Amino acid sequence: MNESLNFEFNINNGIAVFKLNESRFDSTIAGLVKAEFTISLSEEVNKLVVDMSEVEYCDSSGLSALLLAFRILQADEGEIKIASPKKSVRTLIEISQLDKILPIYDSVEEAIKEFNNN
């Protein structure tokens, strides 16, 4: 099995943007995303926007990876915001009531603007 992960990770003015360029966020890549979050979310990064605009399908493994990022950031008083999820992904986050700790925004720009307002 070819385990690779298509993503972009950029930091600008202390805000990291992780864009997952995959259509499925499930067990086949969740471990790779967790590893990337563990490596990338260091002391310098305590504000993270996860751009989910390319993700068509997400399951509990994908949610688990997002929760890992939340826990890593929370340990350093950081925050995570979810940007641009498709309707099915947004519904999954809301049904599981994770939108209380993983706030959802319609765009990356809106999430960054919210960080800058705090």
PDB file of N, CA and C in Angstrom:
ATOM      1  N   MET A   1       0.837  -1.187   0.000  1.00  0.00           N
ATOM      2  CA  MET A   1       0.000   0.000   0.000  1.00  0.00           C
ATOM      3  C   MET A   1       0.879   1.247   0.000  1.00  0.00           C
ATOM      4  N   ASN A   2       0.582   2.159  -0.871  1.00  0.00           N
ATOM      5  CA  ASN A   2       1.355   3.399  -0.980  1.00  0.00           C
ATOM      6  C   ASN A   2       0.805   4.414   0.015  1.00  0.00           C
ATOM      7  N   GLU A   3       1.538   4.621   1.104  1.00  0.00           N
ATOM      8  CA  GLU A   3       1.067   5.561   2.110  1.00  0.00           C
ATOM      9  C   GLU A   3       1.717   6.919   1.884  1.00  0.00           C
ATOM     10  N   SER A   4       0.949   7.807   1.296  1.00  0.00           N
ATOM     11  CA  SER A   4       1.413   9.172   1.122  1.00  0.00           C
ATOM     12  C   SER A   4       0.270  10.092   1.474  1.00  0.00           C
ATOM     13  N   LEU A   5       0.625  11.323   1.723  1.00  0.00           N
ATOM     14  CA  LEU A   5      -0.356  12.297   2.168  1.00  0.00           C
ATOM     15  C   LEU A   5      -0.176  13.559   1.352  1.00  0.00           C
ATOM     16  N   ASN A   6      -1.249  14.038   0.745  1.00  0.00           N
ATOM     17  CA  ASN A   6      -1.206  15.247  -0.054  1.00  0.00           C
ATOM     18  C   ASN A   6      -1.774  16.381   0.784  1.00  0.00           C
ATOM     19  N   PHE A   7      -0.895  17.284   1.202  1.00  0.00           N
ATOM     20  CA  PHE A   7      -1.326  18.390   2.048  1.00  0.00           C
ATOM     21  C   PHE A   7      -0.412  19.593   1.859  1.00  0.00           C
ATOM     22  N   GLU A   8      -0.880  20.735   2.353  1.00  0.00           N
ATOM     23  CA  GLU A   8      -0.066  21.946   2.393  1.00  0.00           C
ATOM     24  C   GLU A   8      -0.063  22.436   3.833  1.00  0.00           C
ATOM     25  N   PHE A   9       1.077  22.940   4.283  1.00  0.00           N
ATOM     26  CA  PHE A   9       1.186  23.469   5.642  1.00  0.00           C
ATOM     27  C   PHE A   9       1.957  24.778   5.572  1.00  0.00           C
ATOM     28  N   ASN A  10       1.302  25.860   5.939  1.00  0.00           N
ATOM     29  CA  ASN A  10       1.936  27.177   5.900  1.00  0.00           C
ATOM     30  C   ASN A  10       1.695  27.904   7.206  1.00  0.00           C
ATOM     31  N   ILE A  11       2.688  28.662   7.621  1.00  0.00           N
ATOM     32  CA  ILE A  11       2.539  29.488   8.823  1.00  0.00           C
ATOM     33  C   ILE A  11       2.720  30.939   8.406  1.00  0.00           C
ATOM     34  N   ASN A  12       1.752  31.780   8.776  1.00  0.00           N
ATOM     35  CA  ASN A  12       1.805  33.195   8.451  1.00  0.00           C
ATOM     36  C   ASN A  12       1.330  33.992   9.660  1.00  0.00           C
ATOM     37  N   ASN A  13       2.174  34.865  10.168  1.00  0.00           N
ATOM     38  CA  ASN A  13       1.853  35.686  11.335  1.00  0.00           C
ATOM     39  C   ASN A  13       1.385  34.854  12.516  1.00  0.00           C
ATOM     40  N   GLY A  14       2.050  33.722  12.744  1.00  0.00           N
ATOM     41  CA  GLY A  14       1.743  32.890  13.900  1.00  0.00           C
ATOM     42  C   GLY A  14       0.520  31.998  13.747  1.00  0.00           C
ATOM     43  N   ILE A  15      -0.121  32.026  12.586  1.00  0.00           N
ATOM     44  CA  ILE A  15      -1.292  31.188  12.342  1.00  0.00           C
ATOM     45  C   ILE A  15      -0.921  30.141  11.290  1.00  0.00           C
ATOM     46  N   ALA A  16      -1.068  28.874  11.668  1.00  0.00           N
ATOM     47  CA  ALA A  16      -0.763  27.781  10.748  1.00  0.00           C
ATOM     48  C   ALA A  16      -2.030  27.400   9.993  1.00  0.00           C
ATOM     49  N   VAL A  17      -1.868  27.129   8.698  1.00  0.00           N
ATOM     50  CA  VAL A  17      -2.978  26.625   7.884  1.00  0.00           C
ATOM     51  C   VAL A  17      -2.556  25.267   7.332  1.00  0.00           C
ATOM     52  N   PHE A  18      -3.331  24.247   7.684  1.00  0.00           N
ATOM     53  CA  PHE A  18      -3.109  22.888   7.194  1.00  0.00           C
ATOM     54  C   PHE A  18      -4.226  22.583   6.213  1.00  0.00           C
ATOM     55  N   LYS A  19      -3.868  22.431   4.935  1.00  0.00           N
ATOM     56  CA  LYS A  19      -4.868  22.115   3.912  1.00  0.00           C
ATOM     57  C   LYS A  19      -4.688  20.667   3.498  1.00  0.00           C
ATOM     58  N   LEU A  20      -5.716  19.884   3.729  1.00  0.00           N
ATOM     59  CA  LEU A  20      -5.688  18.484   3.355  1.00  0.00           C
ATOM     60  C   LEU A  20      -6.208  18.348   1.930  1.00  0.00           C
ATOM     61  N   ASN A  21      -5.322  17.991   1.012  1.00  0.00           N
ATOM     62  CA  ASN A  21      -5.684  17.838  -0.404  1.00  0.00           C
ATOM     63  C   ASN A  21      -6.022  16.387  -0.713  1.00  0.00           C
ATOM     64  N   GLU A  22      -6.958  15.854   0.023  1.00  0.00           N
ATOM     65  CA  GLU A  22      -7.415  14.478  -0.132  1.00  0.00           C
ATOM     66  C   GLU A  22      -8.931  14.497  -0.158  1.00  0.00           C
ATOM     67  N   SER A  23      -9.546  13.592  -0.921  1.00  0.00           N
ATOM     68  CA  SER A  23     -11.010  13.551  -0.948  1.00  0.00           C
ATOM     69  C   SER A  23     -11.564  12.752   0.219  1.00  0.00           C
ATOM     70  N   ARG A  24     -10.775  11.804   0.746  1.00  0.00           N
ATOM     71  CA  ARG A  24     -11.226  10.979   1.869  1.00  0.00           C
ATOM     72  C   ARG A  24     -10.295  11.169   3.064  1.00  0.00           C
ATOM     73  N   PHE A  25     -10.883  11.495   4.206  1.00  0.00           N
ATOM     74  CA  PHE A  25     -10.138  11.640   5.453  1.00  0.00           C
ATOM     75  C   PHE A  25     -10.601  10.500   6.353  1.00  0.00           C
ATOM     76  N   ASP A  26      -9.971   9.331   6.144  1.00  0.00           N
ATOM     77  CA  ASP A  26     -10.387   8.134   6.860  1.00  0.00           C
ATOM     78  C   ASP A  26      -9.154   7.399   7.384  1.00  0.00           C
ATOM     79  N   SER A  27      -9.337   6.149   7.777  1.00  0.00           N
ATOM     80  CA  SER A  27      -8.256   5.403   8.430  1.00  0.00           C
ATOM     81  C   SER A  27      -7.027   5.223   7.538  1.00  0.00           C
ATOM     82  N   THR A  28      -7.180   5.328   6.224  1.00  0.00           N
ATOM     83  CA  THR A  28      -6.019   5.133   5.345  1.00  0.00           C
ATOM     84  C   THR A  28      -5.004   6.269   5.470  1.00  0.00           C
ATOM     85  N   ILE A  29      -5.459   7.468   5.843  1.00  0.00           N
ATOM     86  CA  ILE A  29      -4.505   8.587   5.979  1.00  0.00           C
ATOM     87  C   ILE A  29      -4.517   9.232   7.366  1.00  0.00           C
ATOM     88  N   ALA A  30      -5.460   8.869   8.223  1.00  0.00           N
ATOM     89  CA  ALA A  30      -5.571   9.531   9.531  1.00  0.00           C
ATOM     90  C   ALA A  30      -4.276   9.419  10.346  1.00  0.00           C
ATOM     91  N   GLY A  31      -3.630   8.270  10.290  1.00  0.00           N
ATOM     92  CA  GLY A  31      -2.370   8.100  11.019  1.00  0.00           C
ATOM     93  C   GLY A  31      -1.289   9.036  10.509  1.00  0.00           C
ATOM     94  N   LEU A  32      -1.251   9.224   9.198  1.00  0.00           N
ATOM     95  CA  LEU A  32      -0.265  10.140   8.607  1.00  0.00           C
ATOM     96  C   LEU A  32      -0.556  11.583   9.013  1.00  0.00           C
ATOM     97  N   VAL A  33      -1.847  11.948   9.063  1.00  0.00           N
ATOM     98  CA  VAL A  33      -2.221  13.306   9.488  1.00  0.00           C
ATOM     99  C   VAL A  33      -1.849  13.498  10.959  1.00  0.00           C
ATOM    100  N   LYS A  34      -2.117  12.495  11.780  1.00  0.00           N
ATOM    101  CA  LYS A  34      -1.750  12.580  13.206  1.00  0.00           C
ATOM    102  C   LYS A  34      -0.248  12.789  13.362  1.00  0.00           C
ATOM    103  N   ALA A  35       0.532  12.032  12.589  1.00  0.00           N
ATOM    104  CA  ALA A  35       1.994  12.179  12.651  1.00  0.00           C
ATOM    105  C   ALA A  35       2.405  13.587  12.243  1.00  0.00           C
ATOM    106  N   GLU A  36       1.784  14.106  11.193  1.00  0.00           N
ATOM    107  CA  GLU A  36       2.109  15.449  10.724  1.00  0.00           C
ATOM    108  C   GLU A  36       1.759  16.494  11.784  1.00  0.00           C
ATOM    109  N   PHE A  37       0.577  16.355  12.407  1.00  0.00           N
ATOM    110  CA  PHE A  37       0.187  17.284  13.479  1.00  0.00           C
ATOM    111  C   PHE A  37       1.171  17.204  14.645  1.00  0.00           C
ATOM    112  N   THR A  38       1.577  15.993  15.017  1.00  0.00           N
ATOM    113  CA  THR A  38       2.497  15.817  16.138  1.00  0.00           C
ATOM    114  C   THR A  38       3.824  16.514  15.863  1.00  0.00           C
ATOM    115  N   ILE A  39       4.294  16.429  14.615  1.00  0.00           N
ATOM    116  CA  ILE A  39       5.566  17.059  14.234  1.00  0.00           C
ATOM    117  C   ILE A  39       5.404  18.578  14.084  1.00  0.00           C
ATOM    118  N   SER A  40       4.338  19.009  13.417  1.00  0.00           N
ATOM    119  CA  SER A  40       4.199  20.415  13.010  1.00  0.00           C
ATOM    120  C   SER A  40       3.691  21.343  14.100  1.00  0.00           C
ATOM    121  N   LEU A  41       2.921  20.805  15.030  1.00  0.00           N
ATOM    122  CA  LEU A  41       2.335  21.673  16.057  1.00  0.00           C
ATOM    123  C   LEU A  41       3.267  21.762  17.252  1.00  0.00           C
ATOM    124  N   SER A  42       4.285  22.595  17.080  1.00  0.00           N
ATOM    125  CA  SER A  42       5.297  22.772  18.115  1.00  0.00           C
ATOM    126  C   SER A  42       4.964  24.022  18.927  1.00  0.00           C
ATOM    127  N   GLU A  43       5.889  24.405  19.756  1.00  0.00           N
ATOM    128  CA  GLU A  43       5.665  25.583  20.596  1.00  0.00           C
ATOM    129  C   GLU A  43       5.405  26.855  19.793  1.00  0.00           C
ATOM    130  N   GLU A  44       5.962  26.940  18.586  1.00  0.00           N
ATOM    131  CA  GLU A  44       5.779  28.157  17.787  1.00  0.00           C
ATOM    132  C   GLU A  44       4.360  28.266  17.231  1.00  0.00           C
ATOM    133  N   VAL A  45       3.651  27.144  17.144  1.00  0.00           N
ATOM    134  CA  VAL A  45       2.321  27.137  16.542  1.00  0.00           C
ATOM    135  C   VAL A  45       1.280  26.847  17.609  1.00  0.00           C
ATOM    136  N   ASN A  46       0.436  27.842  17.886  1.00  0.00           N
ATOM    137  CA  ASN A  46      -0.669  27.557  18.798  1.00  0.00           C
ATOM    138  C   ASN A  46      -2.010  28.017  18.224  1.00  0.00           C
ATOM    139  N   LYS A  47      -2.004  28.388  16.946  1.00  0.00           N
ATOM    140  CA  LYS A  47      -3.236  28.721  16.231  1.00  0.00           C
ATOM    141  C   LYS A  47      -3.226  27.947  14.921  1.00  0.00           C
ATOM    142  N   LEU A  48      -4.246  27.104  14.740  1.00  0.00           N
ATOM    143  CA  LEU A  48      -4.287  26.233  13.564  1.00  0.00           C
ATOM    144  C   LEU A  48      -5.636  26.335  12.882  1.00  0.00           C
ATOM    145  N   VAL A  49      -5.604  26.518  11.566  1.00  0.00           N
ATOM    146  CA  VAL A  49      -6.790  26.436  10.724  1.00  0.00           C
ATOM    147  C   VAL A  49      -6.618  25.184   9.865  1.00  0.00           C
ATOM    148  N   VAL A  50      -7.602  24.290   9.916  1.00  0.00           N
ATOM    149  CA  VAL A  50      -7.576  23.094   9.082  1.00  0.00           C
ATOM    150  C   VAL A  50      -8.541  23.323   7.925  1.00  0.00           C
ATOM    151  N   ASP A  51      -7.978  23.455   6.725  1.00  0.00           N
ATOM    152  CA  ASP A  51      -8.766  23.690   5.512  1.00  0.00           C
ATOM    153  C   ASP A  51      -9.259  22.337   5.000  1.00  0.00           C
ATOM    154  N   MET A  52     -10.579  22.117   5.104  1.00  0.00           N
ATOM    155  CA  MET A  52     -11.177  20.844   4.715  1.00  0.00           C
ATOM    156  C   MET A  52     -11.909  20.947   3.376  1.00  0.00           C
ATOM    157  N   SER A  53     -11.604  21.974   2.584  1.00  0.00           N
ATOM    158  CA  SER A  53     -12.366  22.242   1.360  1.00  0.00           C
ATOM    159  C   SER A  53     -12.298  21.121   0.328  1.00  0.00           C
ATOM    160  N   GLU A  54     -11.238  20.317   0.340  1.00  0.00           N
ATOM    161  CA  GLU A  54     -11.091  19.230  -0.648  1.00  0.00           C
ATOM    162  C   GLU A  54     -11.670  17.905  -0.154  1.00  0.00           C
ATOM    163  N   VAL A  55     -12.002  17.827   1.128  1.00  0.00           N
ATOM    164  CA  VAL A  55     -12.422  16.558   1.728  1.00  0.00           C
ATOM    165  C   VAL A  55     -13.903  16.307   1.462  1.00  0.00           C
ATOM    166  N   GLU A  56     -14.178  15.213   0.746  1.00  0.00           N
ATOM    167  CA  GLU A  56     -15.558  14.823   0.439  1.00  0.00           C
ATOM    168  C   GLU A  56     -16.131  13.910   1.522  1.00  0.00           C
ATOM    169  N   TYR A  57     -15.260  13.112   2.151  1.00  0.00           N
ATOM    170  CA  TYR A  57     -15.704  12.116   3.120  1.00  0.00           C
ATOM    171  C   TYR A  57     -14.763  12.109   4.313  1.00  0.00           C
ATOM    172  N   CYS A  58     -15.337  12.073   5.502  1.00  0.00           N
ATOM    173  CA  CYS A  58     -14.563  11.991   6.734  1.00  0.00           C
ATOM    174  C   CYS A  58     -15.245  10.978   7.638  1.00  0.00           C
ATOM    175  N   ASP A  59     -14.450  10.147   8.325  1.00  0.00           N
ATOM    176  CA  ASP A  59     -15.029   9.209   9.280  1.00  0.00           C
ATOM    177  C   ASP A  59     -14.430   9.444  10.662  1.00  0.00           C
ATOM    178  N   SER A  60     -14.684   8.531  11.583  1.00  0.00           N
ATOM    179  CA  SER A  60     -14.223   8.710  12.963  1.00  0.00           C
ATOM    180  C   SER A  60     -12.703   8.788  13.055  1.00  0.00           C
ATOM    181  N   SER A  61     -11.995   8.143  12.141  1.00  0.00           N
ATOM    182  CA  SER A  61     -10.527   8.222  12.145  1.00  0.00           C
ATOM    183  C   SER A  61     -10.064   9.640  11.824  1.00  0.00           C
ATOM    184  N   GLY A  62     -10.739  10.278  10.871  1.00  0.00           N
ATOM    185  CA  GLY A  62     -10.420  11.667  10.545  1.00  0.00           C
ATOM    186  C   GLY A  62     -10.721  12.592  11.716  1.00  0.00           C
ATOM    187  N   LEU A  63     -11.873  12.379  12.353  1.00  0.00           N
ATOM    188  CA  LEU A  63     -12.227  13.189  13.522  1.00  0.00           C
ATOM    189  C   LEU A  63     -11.204  12.990  14.634  1.00  0.00           C
ATOM    190  N   SER A  64     -10.735  11.761  14.790  1.00  0.00           N
ATOM    191  CA  SER A  64      -9.729  11.461  15.808  1.00  0.00           C
ATOM    192  C   SER A  64      -8.447  12.264  15.567  1.00  0.00           C
ATOM    193  N   ALA A  65      -8.054  12.401  14.302  1.00  0.00           N
ATOM    194  CA  ALA A  65      -6.857  13.193  13.969  1.00  0.00           C
ATOM    195  C   ALA A  65      -7.073  14.665  14.328  1.00  0.00           C
ATOM    196  N   LEU A  66      -8.275  15.186  14.049  1.00  0.00           N
ATOM    197  CA  LEU A  66      -8.581  16.577  14.406  1.00  0.00           C
ATOM    198  C   LEU A  66      -8.562  16.766  15.919  1.00  0.00           C
ATOM    199  N   LEU A  67      -9.076  15.768  16.644  1.00  0.00           N
ATOM    200  CA  LEU A  67      -9.073  15.849  18.110  1.00  0.00           C
ATOM    201  C   LEU A  67      -7.662  15.795  18.674  1.00  0.00           C
ATOM    202  N   LEU A  68      -6.768  15.042  18.019  1.00  0.00           N
ATOM    203  CA  LEU A  68      -5.371  15.022  18.453  1.00  0.00           C
ATOM    204  C   LEU A  68      -4.773  16.424  18.320  1.00  0.00           C
ATOM    205  N   ALA A  69      -5.027  17.082  17.186  1.00  0.00           N
ATOM    206  CA  ALA A  69      -4.528  18.451  16.996  1.00  0.00           C
ATOM    207  C   ALA A  69      -5.095  19.363  18.075  1.00  0.00           C
ATOM    208  N   PHE A  70      -6.385  19.216  18.381  1.00  0.00           N
ATOM    209  CA  PHE A  70      -7.013  20.009  19.437  1.00  0.00           C
ATOM    210  C   PHE A  70      -6.291  19.800  20.771  1.00  0.00           C
ATOM    211  N   ARG A  71      -6.011  18.546  21.121  1.00  0.00           N
ATOM    212  CA  ARG A  71      -5.351  18.256  22.407  1.00  0.00           C
ATOM    213  C   ARG A  71      -3.924  18.809  22.440  1.00  0.00           C
ATOM    214  N   ILE A  72      -3.195  18.668  21.344  1.00  0.00           N
ATOM    215  CA  ILE A  72      -1.826  19.201  21.292  1.00  0.00           C
ATOM    216  C   ILE A  72      -1.863  20.715  21.494  1.00  0.00           C
ATOM    217  N   LEU A  73      -2.753  21.383  20.788  1.00  0.00           N
ATOM    218  CA  LEU A  73      -2.852  22.841  20.881  1.00  0.00           C
ATOM    219  C   LEU A  73      -3.346  23.275  22.249  1.00  0.00           C
ATOM    220  N   GLN A  74      -4.322  22.563  22.791  1.00  0.00           N
ATOM    221  CA  GLN A  74      -4.895  22.922  24.084  1.00  0.00           C
ATOM    222  C   GLN A  74      -3.831  22.874  25.184  1.00  0.00           C
ATOM    223  N   ALA A  75      -2.892  21.953  25.088  1.00  0.00           N
ATOM    224  CA  ALA A  75      -1.825  21.829  26.079  1.00  0.00           C
ATOM    225  C   ALA A  75      -0.978  23.094  26.132  1.00  0.00           C
ATOM    226  N   ASP A  76      -0.943  23.843  25.031  1.00  0.00           N
ATOM    227  CA  ASP A  76      -0.170  25.083  24.961  1.00  0.00           C
ATOM    228  C   ASP A  76      -1.101  26.294  24.857  1.00  0.00           C
ATOM    229  N   GLU A  77      -2.338  26.129  25.347  1.00  0.00           N
ATOM    230  CA  GLU A  77      -3.350  27.182  25.310  1.00  0.00           C
ATOM    231  C   GLU A  77      -3.615  27.679  23.887  1.00  0.00           C
ATOM    232  N   GLY A  78      -3.516  26.774  22.949  1.00  0.00           N
ATOM    233  CA  GLY A  78      -3.759  27.113  21.554  1.00  0.00           C
ATOM    234  C   GLY A  78      -5.187  26.823  21.144  1.00  0.00           C
ATOM    235  N   GLU A  79      -5.470  27.094  19.869  1.00  0.00           N
ATOM    236  CA  GLU A  79      -6.810  26.913  19.334  1.00  0.00           C
ATOM    237  C   GLU A  79      -6.753  26.315  17.935  1.00  0.00           C
ATOM    238  N   ILE A  80      -7.838  25.617  17.586  1.00  0.00           N
ATOM    239  CA  ILE A  80      -7.992  25.054  16.250  1.00  0.00           C
ATOM    240  C   ILE A  80      -9.324  25.528  15.689  1.00  0.00           C
ATOM    241  N   LYS A  81      -9.351  25.766  14.390  1.00  0.00           N
ATOM    242  CA  LYS A  81     -10.582  26.135  13.697  1.00  0.00           C
ATOM    243  C   LYS A  81     -10.656  25.301  12.414  1.00  0.00           C
ATOM    244  N   ILE A  82     -11.855  24.861  12.083  1.00  0.00           N
ATOM    245  CA  ILE A  82     -12.077  24.081  10.864  1.00  0.00           C
ATOM    246  C   ILE A  82     -12.647  25.023   9.811  1.00  0.00           C
ATOM    247  N   ALA A  83     -12.072  24.991   8.607  1.00  0.00           N
ATOM    248  CA  ALA A  83     -12.512  25.900   7.542  1.00  0.00           C
ATOM    249  C   ALA A  83     -13.013  25.125   6.332  1.00  0.00           C
ATOM    250  N   SER A  84     -14.062  25.638   5.736  1.00  0.00           N
ATOM    251  CA  SER A  84     -14.581  25.196   4.432  1.00  0.00           C
ATOM    252  C   SER A  84     -14.940  23.714   4.329  1.00  0.00           C
ATOM    253  N   PRO A  85     -15.548  23.118   5.364  1.00  0.00           N
ATOM    254  CA  PRO A  85     -15.912  21.715   5.188  1.00  0.00           C
ATOM    255  C   PRO A  85     -17.106  21.564   4.245  1.00  0.00           C
ATOM    256  N   LYS A  86     -17.120  20.477   3.502  1.00  0.00           N
ATOM    257  CA  LYS A  86     -18.291  20.151   2.685  1.00  0.00           C
ATOM    258  C   LYS A  86     -19.448  19.830   3.632  1.00  0.00           C
ATOM    259  N   LYS A  87     -20.664  19.861   3.102  1.00  0.00           N
ATOM    260  CA  LYS A  87     -21.856  19.669   3.934  1.00  0.00           C
ATOM    261  C   LYS A  87     -21.799  18.359   4.727  1.00  0.00           C
ATOM    262  N   SER A  88     -21.378  17.269   4.109  1.00  0.00           N
ATOM    263  CA  SER A  88     -21.342  15.976   4.802  1.00  0.00           C
ATOM    264  C   SER A  88     -20.347  15.981   5.964  1.00  0.00           C
ATOM    265  N   VAL A  89     -19.205  16.638   5.775  1.00  0.00           N
ATOM    266  CA  VAL A  89     -18.189  16.702   6.826  1.00  0.00           C
ATOM    267  C   VAL A  89     -18.675  17.620   7.952  1.00  0.00           C
ATOM    268  N   ARG A  90     -19.260  18.748   7.599  1.00  0.00           N
ATOM    269  CA  ARG A  90     -19.817  19.667   8.595  1.00  0.00           C
ATOM    270  C   ARG A  90     -20.877  18.953   9.431  1.00  0.00           C
ATOM    271  N   THR A  91     -21.753  18.200   8.766  1.00  0.00           N
ATOM    272  CA  THR A  91     -22.817  17.479   9.464  1.00  0.00           C
ATOM    273  C   THR A  91     -22.235  16.460  10.436  1.00  0.00           C
ATOM    274  N   LEU A  92     -21.203  15.727  10.016  1.00  0.00           N
ATOM    275  CA  LEU A  92     -20.558  14.756  10.897  1.00  0.00           C
ATOM    276  C   LEU A  92     -20.003  15.437  12.147  1.00  0.00           C
ATOM    277  N   ILE A  93     -19.320  16.561  11.975  1.00  0.00           N
ATOM    278  CA  ILE A  93     -18.749  17.293  13.109  1.00  0.00           C
ATOM    279  C   ILE A  93     -19.863  17.783  14.030  1.00  0.00           C
ATOM    280  N   GLU A  94     -20.947  18.277  13.455  1.00  0.00           N
ATOM    281  CA  GLU A  94     -22.056  18.795  14.257  1.00  0.00           C
ATOM    282  C   GLU A  94     -22.815  17.672  14.969  1.00  0.00           C
ATOM    283  N   ILE A  95     -23.072  16.573  14.272  1.00  0.00           N
ATOM    284  CA  ILE A  95     -23.795  15.449  14.889  1.00  0.00           C
ATOM    285  C   ILE A  95     -23.015  14.885  16.072  1.00  0.00           C
ATOM    286  N   SER A  96     -21.708  14.822  15.931  1.00  0.00           N
ATOM    287  CA  SER A  96     -20.876  14.305  17.015  1.00  0.00           C
ATOM    288  C   SER A  96     -20.617  15.367  18.091  1.00  0.00           C
ATOM    289  N   GLN A  97     -21.199  16.545  17.894  1.00  0.00           N
ATOM    290  CA  GLN A  97     -21.106  17.687  18.817  1.00  0.00           C
ATOM    291  C   GLN A  97     -19.673  18.165  19.027  1.00  0.00           C
ATOM    292  N   LEU A  98     -18.819  17.889  18.050  1.00  0.00           N
ATOM    293  CA  LEU A  98     -17.439  18.357  18.138  1.00  0.00           C
ATOM    294  C   LEU A  98     -17.297  19.812  17.700  1.00  0.00           C
ATOM    295  N   ASP A  99     -18.374  20.391  17.110  1.00  0.00           N
ATOM    296  CA  ASP A  99     -18.304  21.792  16.703  1.00  0.00           C
ATOM    297  C   ASP A  99     -18.176  22.717  17.915  1.00  0.00           C
ATOM    298  N   LYS A 100     -18.411  22.197  19.109  1.00  0.00           N
ATOM    299  CA  LYS A 100     -18.235  22.999  20.333  1.00  0.00           C
ATOM    300  C   LYS A 100     -16.755  23.247  20.628  1.00  0.00           C
ATOM    301  N   ILE A 101     -15.899  22.287  20.229  1.00  0.00           N
ATOM    302  CA  ILE A 101     -14.459  22.460  20.449  1.00  0.00           C
ATOM    303  C   ILE A 101     -13.686  22.613  19.143  1.00  0.00           C
ATOM    304  N   LEU A 102     -14.343  22.290  18.032  1.00  0.00           N
ATOM    305  CA  LEU A 102     -13.753  22.463  16.699  1.00  0.00           C
ATOM    306  C   LEU A 102     -14.645  23.425  15.926  1.00  0.00           C
ATOM    307  N   PRO A 103     -14.543  24.730  16.210  1.00  0.00           N
ATOM    308  CA  PRO A 103     -15.440  25.680  15.548  1.00  0.00           C
ATOM    309  C   PRO A 103     -15.263  25.665  14.034  1.00  0.00           C
ATOM    310  N   ILE A 104     -16.394  25.779  13.336  1.00  0.00           N
ATOM    311  CA  ILE A 104     -16.426  25.683  11.880  1.00  0.00           C
ATOM    312  C   ILE A 104     -16.621  27.064  11.259  1.00  0.00           C
ATOM    313  N   TYR A 105     -15.830  27.347  10.226  1.00  0.00           N
ATOM    314  CA  TYR A 105     -15.929  28.612   9.495  1.00  0.00           C
ATOM    315  C   TYR A 105     -16.105  28.312   8.016  1.00  0.00           C
ATOM    316  N   ASP A 106     -16.752  29.218   7.309  1.00  0.00           N
ATOM    317  CA  ASP A 106     -17.041  29.009   5.892  1.00  0.00           C
ATOM    318  C   ASP A 106     -15.811  29.132   5.001  1.00  0.00           C
ATOM    319  N   SER A 107     -14.770  29.803   5.490  1.00  0.00           N
ATOM    320  CA  SER A 107     -13.559  29.969   4.684  1.00  0.00           C
ATOM    321  C   SER A 107     -12.336  30.071   5.584  1.00  0.00           C
ATOM    322  N   VAL A 108     -11.176  29.830   4.999  1.00  0.00           N
ATOM    323  CA  VAL A 108      -9.913  29.988   5.722  1.00  0.00           C
ATOM    324  C   VAL A 108      -9.759  31.442   6.154  1.00  0.00           C
ATOM    325  N   GLU A 109     -10.127  32.359   5.250  1.00  0.00           N
ATOM    326  CA  GLU A 109      -9.989  33.793   5.555  1.00  0.00           C
ATOM    327  C   GLU A 109     -10.835  34.186   6.769  1.00  0.00           C
ATOM    328  N   GLU A 110     -12.040  33.635   6.840  1.00  0.00           N
ATOM    329  CA  GLU A 110     -12.924  33.933   7.971  1.00  0.00           C
ATOM    330  C   GLU A 110     -12.335  33.406   9.281  1.00  0.00           C
ATOM    331  N   ALA A 111     -11.761  32.209   9.245  1.00  0.00           N
ATOM    332  CA  ALA A 111     -11.145  31.621  10.446  1.00  0.00           C
ATOM    333  C   ALA A 111      -9.936  32.440  10.886  1.00  0.00           C
ATOM    334  N   ILE A 112      -9.105  32.849   9.926  1.00  0.00           N
ATOM    335  CA  ILE A 112      -7.921  33.670  10.258  1.00  0.00           C
ATOM    336  C   ILE A 112      -8.370  35.016  10.821  1.00  0.00           C
ATOM    337  N   LYS A 113      -9.388  35.598  10.238  1.00  0.00           N
ATOM    338  CA  LYS A 113      -9.907  36.880  10.720  1.00  0.00           C
ATOM    339  C   LYS A 113     -10.374  36.737  12.170  1.00  0.00           C
ATOM    340  N   GLU A 114     -11.023  35.642  12.499  1.00  0.00           N
ATOM    341  CA  GLU A 114     -11.473  35.399  13.868  1.00  0.00           C
ATOM    342  C   GLU A 114     -10.298  35.289  14.824  1.00  0.00           C
ATOM    343  N   PHE A 115      -9.226  34.608  14.398  1.00  0.00           N
ATOM    344  CA  PHE A 115      -8.014  34.549  15.221  1.00  0.00           C
ATOM    345  C   PHE A 115      -7.475  35.951  15.462  1.00  0.00           C
ATOM    346  N   ASN A 116      -7.444  36.757  14.423  1.00  0.00           N
ATOM    347  CA  ASN A 116      -6.876  38.110  14.535  1.00  0.00           C
ATOM    348  C   ASN A 116      -7.745  39.037  15.382  1.00  0.00           C
ATOM    349  N   ASN A 117      -9.045  38.706  15.513  1.00  0.00           N
ATOM    350  CA  ASN A 117      -9.940  39.515  16.348  1.00  0.00           C
ATOM    351  C   ASN A 117      -9.796  39.210  17.821  1.00  0.00           C
ATOM    352  N   ASN A 118      -9.169  38.090  18.141  1.00  0.00           N
ATOM    353  CA  ASN A 118      -9.025  37.688  19.568  1.00  0.00           C
ATOM    354  C   ASN A 118      -7.750  38.230  20.162  1.00  0.00           C
TER     355      ASN A 118
END
